[in-house]
Amino acid sequence: MKEKTIVSVSTLLASLLAYWYARSAKKDAVPYVMLGGFIGSIIGETLAERSTT
C-alpha cells in the first residue's frame, strides 16, 4: 500500500470513531472529530513508516 493511502485510511477511521463516540455521548462532534483525525494521522504516519522499512 502507498503511504498516502495508509495515512488517509487511518485518519478517516479515527475520525469516524470519534464522531460515533461524540454522537453516542450526545456531545458536540467537531472537537472530537478534529482530535480523532489528528491522532489517526499520527497512527497512519507511524504505520506507513514501519511498513516501508
PDB file of N, CA and C in Angstrom:
ATOM      1  N   MET A   1       0.830  -1.189   0.000  1.00  0.00           N
ATOM      2  CA  MET A   1       0.000   0.000   0.000  1.00  0.00           C
ATOM      3  C   MET A   1       0.871   1.247   0.000  1.00  0.00           C
ATOM      4  N   LYS A   2       0.369   2.279  -0.605  1.00  0.00           N
ATOM      5  CA  LYS A   2       1.096   3.538  -0.628  1.00  0.00           C
ATOM      6  C   LYS A   2       0.984   4.216   0.730  1.00  0.00           C
ATOM      7  N   GLU A   3       1.971   5.031   1.033  1.00  0.00           N
ATOM      8  CA  GLU A   3       1.991   5.733   2.316  1.00  0.00           C
ATOM      9  C   GLU A   3       0.793   6.665   2.462  1.00  0.00           C
ATOM     10  N   LYS A   4       0.441   7.371   1.397  1.00  0.00           N
ATOM     11  CA  LYS A   4      -0.697   8.299   1.456  1.00  0.00           C
ATOM     12  C   LYS A   4      -1.990   7.554   1.756  1.00  0.00           C
ATOM     13  N   THR A   5      -2.138   6.374   1.187  1.00  0.00           N
ATOM     14  CA  THR A   5      -3.349   5.583   1.404  1.00  0.00           C
ATOM     15  C   THR A   5      -3.451   5.139   2.848  1.00  0.00           C
ATOM     16  N   ILE A   6      -2.348   4.690   3.415  1.00  0.00           N
ATOM     17  CA  ILE A   6      -2.340   4.243   4.812  1.00  0.00           C
ATOM     18  C   ILE A   6      -2.719   5.391   5.739  1.00  0.00           C
ATOM     19  N   VAL A   7      -2.129   6.550   5.523  1.00  0.00           N
ATOM     20  CA  VAL A   7      -2.414   7.709   6.379  1.00  0.00           C
ATOM     21  C   VAL A   7      -3.864   8.156   6.209  1.00  0.00           C
ATOM     22  N   SER A   8      -4.346   8.188   4.981  1.00  0.00           N
ATOM     23  CA  SER A   8      -5.720   8.626   4.726  1.00  0.00           C
ATOM     24  C   SER A   8      -6.742   7.687   5.355  1.00  0.00           C
ATOM     25  N   VAL A   9      -6.520   6.399   5.221  1.00  0.00           N
ATOM     26  CA  VAL A   9      -7.466   5.431   5.774  1.00  0.00           C
ATOM     27  C   VAL A   9      -7.471   5.481   7.299  1.00  0.00           C
ATOM     28  N   SER A  10      -6.302   5.558   7.908  1.00  0.00           N
ATOM     29  CA  SER A  10      -6.267   5.613   9.373  1.00  0.00           C
ATOM     30  C   SER A  10      -6.877   6.918   9.895  1.00  0.00           C
ATOM     31  N   THR A  11      -6.671   8.015   9.197  1.00  0.00           N
ATOM     32  CA  THR A  11      -7.282   9.286   9.600  1.00  0.00           C
ATOM     33  C   THR A  11      -8.800   9.217   9.492  1.00  0.00           C
ATOM     34  N   LEU A  12      -9.278   8.655   8.401  1.00  0.00           N
ATOM     35  CA  LEU A  12     -10.720   8.514   8.217  1.00  0.00           C
ATOM     36  C   LEU A  12     -11.344   7.629   9.290  1.00  0.00           C
ATOM     37  N   LEU A  13     -10.727   6.490   9.565  1.00  0.00           N
ATOM     38  CA  LEU A  13     -11.275   5.584  10.570  1.00  0.00           C
ATOM     39  C   LEU A  13     -11.281   6.209  11.963  1.00  0.00           C
ATOM     40  N   ALA A  14     -10.206   6.873  12.330  1.00  0.00           N
ATOM     41  CA  ALA A  14     -10.150   7.517  13.638  1.00  0.00           C
ATOM     42  C   ALA A  14     -11.171   8.644  13.741  1.00  0.00           C
ATOM     43  N   SER A  15     -11.353   9.400  12.679  1.00  0.00           N
ATOM     44  CA  SER A  15     -12.343  10.479  12.679  1.00  0.00           C
ATOM     45  C   SER A  15     -13.761   9.922  12.815  1.00  0.00           C
ATOM     46  N   LEU A  16     -14.043   8.840  12.092  1.00  0.00           N
ATOM     47  CA  LEU A  16     -15.369   8.229  12.190  1.00  0.00           C
ATOM     48  C   LEU A  16     -15.630   7.643  13.568  1.00  0.00           C
ATOM     49  N   LEU A  17     -14.621   7.021  14.160  1.00  0.00           N
ATOM     50  CA  LEU A  17     -14.780   6.500  15.522  1.00  0.00           C
ATOM     51  C   LEU A  17     -15.026   7.631  16.525  1.00  0.00           C
ATOM     52  N   ALA A  18     -14.304   8.725  16.367  1.00  0.00           N
ATOM     53  CA  ALA A  18     -14.504   9.868  17.260  1.00  0.00           C
ATOM     54  C   ALA A  18     -15.891  10.471  17.066  1.00  0.00           C
ATOM     55  N   TYR A  19     -16.350  10.541  15.819  1.00  0.00           N
ATOM     56  CA  TYR A  19     -17.693  11.057  15.545  1.00  0.00           C
ATOM     57  C   TYR A  19     -18.751  10.150  16.167  1.00  0.00           C
ATOM     58  N   TRP A  20     -18.582   8.852  16.011  1.00  0.00           N
ATOM     59  CA  TRP A  20     -19.532   7.893  16.584  1.00  0.00           C
ATOM     60  C   TRP A  20     -19.580   8.033  18.102  1.00  0.00           C
ATOM     61  N   TYR A  21     -18.408   8.188  18.734  1.00  0.00           N
ATOM     62  CA  TYR A  21     -18.370   8.355  20.184  1.00  0.00           C
ATOM     63  C   TYR A  21     -19.086   9.642  20.606  1.00  0.00           C
ATOM     64  N   ALA A  22     -18.807  10.734  19.915  1.00  0.00           N
ATOM     65  CA  ALA A  22     -19.418  12.016  20.271  1.00  0.00           C
ATOM     66  C   ALA A  22     -20.932  11.961  20.121  1.00  0.00           C
ATOM     67  N   ARG A  23     -21.407  11.331  19.055  1.00  0.00           N
ATOM     68  CA  ARG A  23     -22.857  11.218  18.855  1.00  0.00           C
ATOM     69  C   ARG A  23     -23.502  10.355  19.925  1.00  0.00           C
ATOM     70  N   SER A  24     -22.857   9.260  20.304  1.00  0.00           N
ATOM     71  CA  SER A  24     -23.443   8.382  21.317  1.00  0.00           C
ATOM     72  C   SER A  24     -23.409   9.022  22.702  1.00  0.00           C
ATOM     73  N   ALA A  25     -22.429   9.897  22.944  1.00  0.00           N
ATOM     74  CA  ALA A  25     -22.333  10.582  24.230  1.00  0.00           C
ATOM     75  C   ALA A  25     -23.109  11.900  24.239  1.00  0.00           C
ATOM     76  N   LYS A  26     -23.763  12.225  23.088  1.00  0.00           N
ATOM     77  CA  LYS A  26     -24.547  13.449  22.937  1.00  0.00           C
ATOM     78  C   LYS A  26     -23.716  14.704  23.225  1.00  0.00           C
ATOM     79  N   LYS A  27     -22.546  14.746  22.615  1.00  0.00           N
ATOM     80  CA  LYS A  27     -21.658  15.889  22.744  1.00  0.00           C
ATOM     81  C   LYS A  27     -21.451  16.510  21.367  1.00  0.00           C
ATOM     82  N   ASP A  28     -20.892  17.709  21.344  1.00  0.00           N
ATOM     83  CA  ASP A  28     -20.574  18.360  20.079  1.00  0.00           C
ATOM     84  C   ASP A  28     -19.486  17.546  19.373  1.00  0.00           C
ATOM     85  N   ALA A  29     -19.721  17.171  18.135  1.00  0.00           N
ATOM     86  CA  ALA A  29     -18.843  16.232  17.443  1.00  0.00           C
ATOM     87  C   ALA A  29     -17.573  16.874  16.891  1.00  0.00           C
ATOM     88  N   VAL A  30     -17.584  18.181  16.650  1.00  0.00           N
ATOM     89  CA  VAL A  30     -16.463  18.821  15.947  1.00  0.00           C
ATOM     90  C   VAL A  30     -15.131  18.650  16.674  1.00  0.00           C
ATOM     91  N   PRO A  31     -15.022  18.958  17.958  1.00  0.00           N
ATOM     92  CA  PRO A  31     -13.709  18.788  18.601  1.00  0.00           C
ATOM     93  C   PRO A  31     -13.243  17.332  18.616  1.00  0.00           C
ATOM     94  N   TYR A  32     -14.169  16.425  18.798  1.00  0.00           N
ATOM     95  CA  TYR A  32     -13.808  15.013  18.828  1.00  0.00           C
ATOM     96  C   TYR A  32     -13.325  14.536  17.468  1.00  0.00           C
ATOM     97  N   VAL A  33     -13.973  14.973  16.402  1.00  0.00           N
ATOM     98  CA  VAL A  33     -13.566  14.579  15.056  1.00  0.00           C
ATOM     99  C   VAL A  33     -12.193  15.168  14.727  1.00  0.00           C
ATOM    100  N   MET A  34     -11.947  16.403  15.121  1.00  0.00           N
ATOM    101  CA  MET A  34     -10.642  17.011  14.868  1.00  0.00           C
ATOM    102  C   MET A  34      -9.542  16.280  15.624  1.00  0.00           C
ATOM    103  N   LEU A  35      -9.790  15.979  16.875  1.00  0.00           N
ATOM    104  CA  LEU A  35      -8.804  15.258  17.670  1.00  0.00           C
ATOM    105  C   LEU A  35      -8.607  13.835  17.143  1.00  0.00           C
ATOM    106  N   GLY A  36      -9.695  13.175  16.776  1.00  0.00           N
ATOM    107  CA  GLY A  36      -9.601  11.833  16.209  1.00  0.00           C
ATOM    108  C   GLY A  36      -8.816  11.818  14.908  1.00  0.00           C
ATOM    109  N   GLY A  37      -9.029  12.810  14.071  1.00  0.00           N
ATOM    110  CA  GLY A  37      -8.281  12.905  12.821  1.00  0.00           C
ATOM    111  C   GLY A  37      -6.802  13.134  13.054  1.00  0.00           C
ATOM    112  N   PHE A  38      -6.485  13.948  14.039  1.00  0.00           N
ATOM    113  CA  PHE A  38      -5.083  14.209  14.363  1.00  0.00           C
ATOM    114  C   PHE A  38      -4.398  12.937  14.861  1.00  0.00           C
ATOM    115  N   ILE A  39      -5.045  12.260  15.773  1.00  0.00           N
ATOM    116  CA  ILE A  39      -4.485  11.015  16.303  1.00  0.00           C
ATOM    117  C   ILE A  39      -4.390   9.958  15.205  1.00  0.00           C
ATOM    118  N   GLY A  40      -5.404   9.891  14.356  1.00  0.00           N
ATOM    119  CA  GLY A  40      -5.379   8.948  13.253  1.00  0.00           C
ATOM    120  C   GLY A  40      -4.248   9.206  12.282  1.00  0.00           C
ATOM    121  N   SER A  41      -3.952  10.476  12.040  1.00  0.00           N
ATOM    122  CA  SER A  41      -2.853  10.793  11.128  1.00  0.00           C
ATOM    123  C   SER A  41      -1.509  10.401  11.736  1.00  0.00           C
ATOM    124  N   ILE A  42      -1.368  10.579  13.033  1.00  0.00           N
ATOM    125  CA  ILE A  42      -0.131  10.156  13.696  1.00  0.00           C
ATOM    126  C   ILE A  42       0.017   8.637  13.616  1.00  0.00           C
ATOM    127  N   ILE A  43      -1.064   7.920  13.868  1.00  0.00           N
ATOM    128  CA  ILE A  43      -1.034   6.461  13.773  1.00  0.00           C
ATOM    129  C   ILE A  43      -0.718   6.029  12.346  1.00  0.00           C
ATOM    130  N   GLY A  44      -1.337   6.669  11.374  1.00  0.00           N
ATOM    131  CA  GLY A  44      -1.090   6.338   9.979  1.00  0.00           C
ATOM    132  C   GLY A  44       0.338   6.594   9.558  1.00  0.00           C
ATOM    133  N   GLU A  45       0.893   7.714   9.998  1.00  0.00           N
ATOM    134  CA  GLU A  45       2.295   8.005   9.681  1.00  0.00           C
ATOM    135  C   GLU A  45       3.215   6.955  10.285  1.00  0.00           C
ATOM    136  N   THR A  46       2.925   6.538  11.497  1.00  0.00           N
ATOM    137  CA  THR A  46       3.737   5.516  12.148  1.00  0.00           C
ATOM    138  C   THR A  46       3.637   4.190  11.410  1.00  0.00           C
ATOM    139  N   LEU A  47       2.429   3.810  11.035  1.00  0.00           N
ATOM    140  CA  LEU A  47       2.242   2.560  10.295  1.00  0.00           C
ATOM    141  C   LEU A  47       2.929   2.609   8.928  1.00  0.00           C
ATOM    142  N   ALA A  48       2.813   3.723   8.249  1.00  0.00           N
ATOM    143  CA  ALA A  48       3.430   3.862   6.931  1.00  0.00           C
ATOM    144  C   ALA A  48       4.953   3.802   7.037  1.00  0.00           C
ATOM    145  N   GLU A  49       5.472   4.424   8.068  1.00  0.00           N
ATOM    146  CA  GLU A  49       6.927   4.410   8.262  1.00  0.00           C
ATOM    147  C   GLU A  49       7.429   3.012   8.557  1.00  0.00           C
ATOM    148  N   ARG A  50       6.694   2.279   9.364  1.00  0.00           N
ATOM    149  CA  ARG A  50       7.117   0.916   9.713  1.00  0.00           C
ATOM    150  C   ARG A  50       6.957  -0.041   8.544  1.00  0.00           C
ATOM    151  N   SER A  51       5.983   0.192   7.681  1.00  0.00           N
ATOM    152  CA  SER A  51       5.770  -0.729   6.569  1.00  0.00           C
ATOM    153  C   SER A  51       6.791  -0.547   5.465  1.00  0.00           C
ATOM    154  N   THR A  52       7.414   0.611   5.379  1.00  0.00           N
ATOM    155  CA  THR A  52       8.395   0.851   4.319  1.00  0.00           C
ATOM    156  C   THR A  52       9.795   0.442   4.724  1.00  0.00           C
ATOM    157  N   THR A  53      10.039   0.295   6.022  1.00  0.00           N
ATOM    158  CA  THR A  53      11.395  -0.070   6.454  1.00  0.00           C
ATOM    159  C   THR A  53      11.527  -1.537   6.728  1.00  0.00           C
TER     160      THR A  53
END
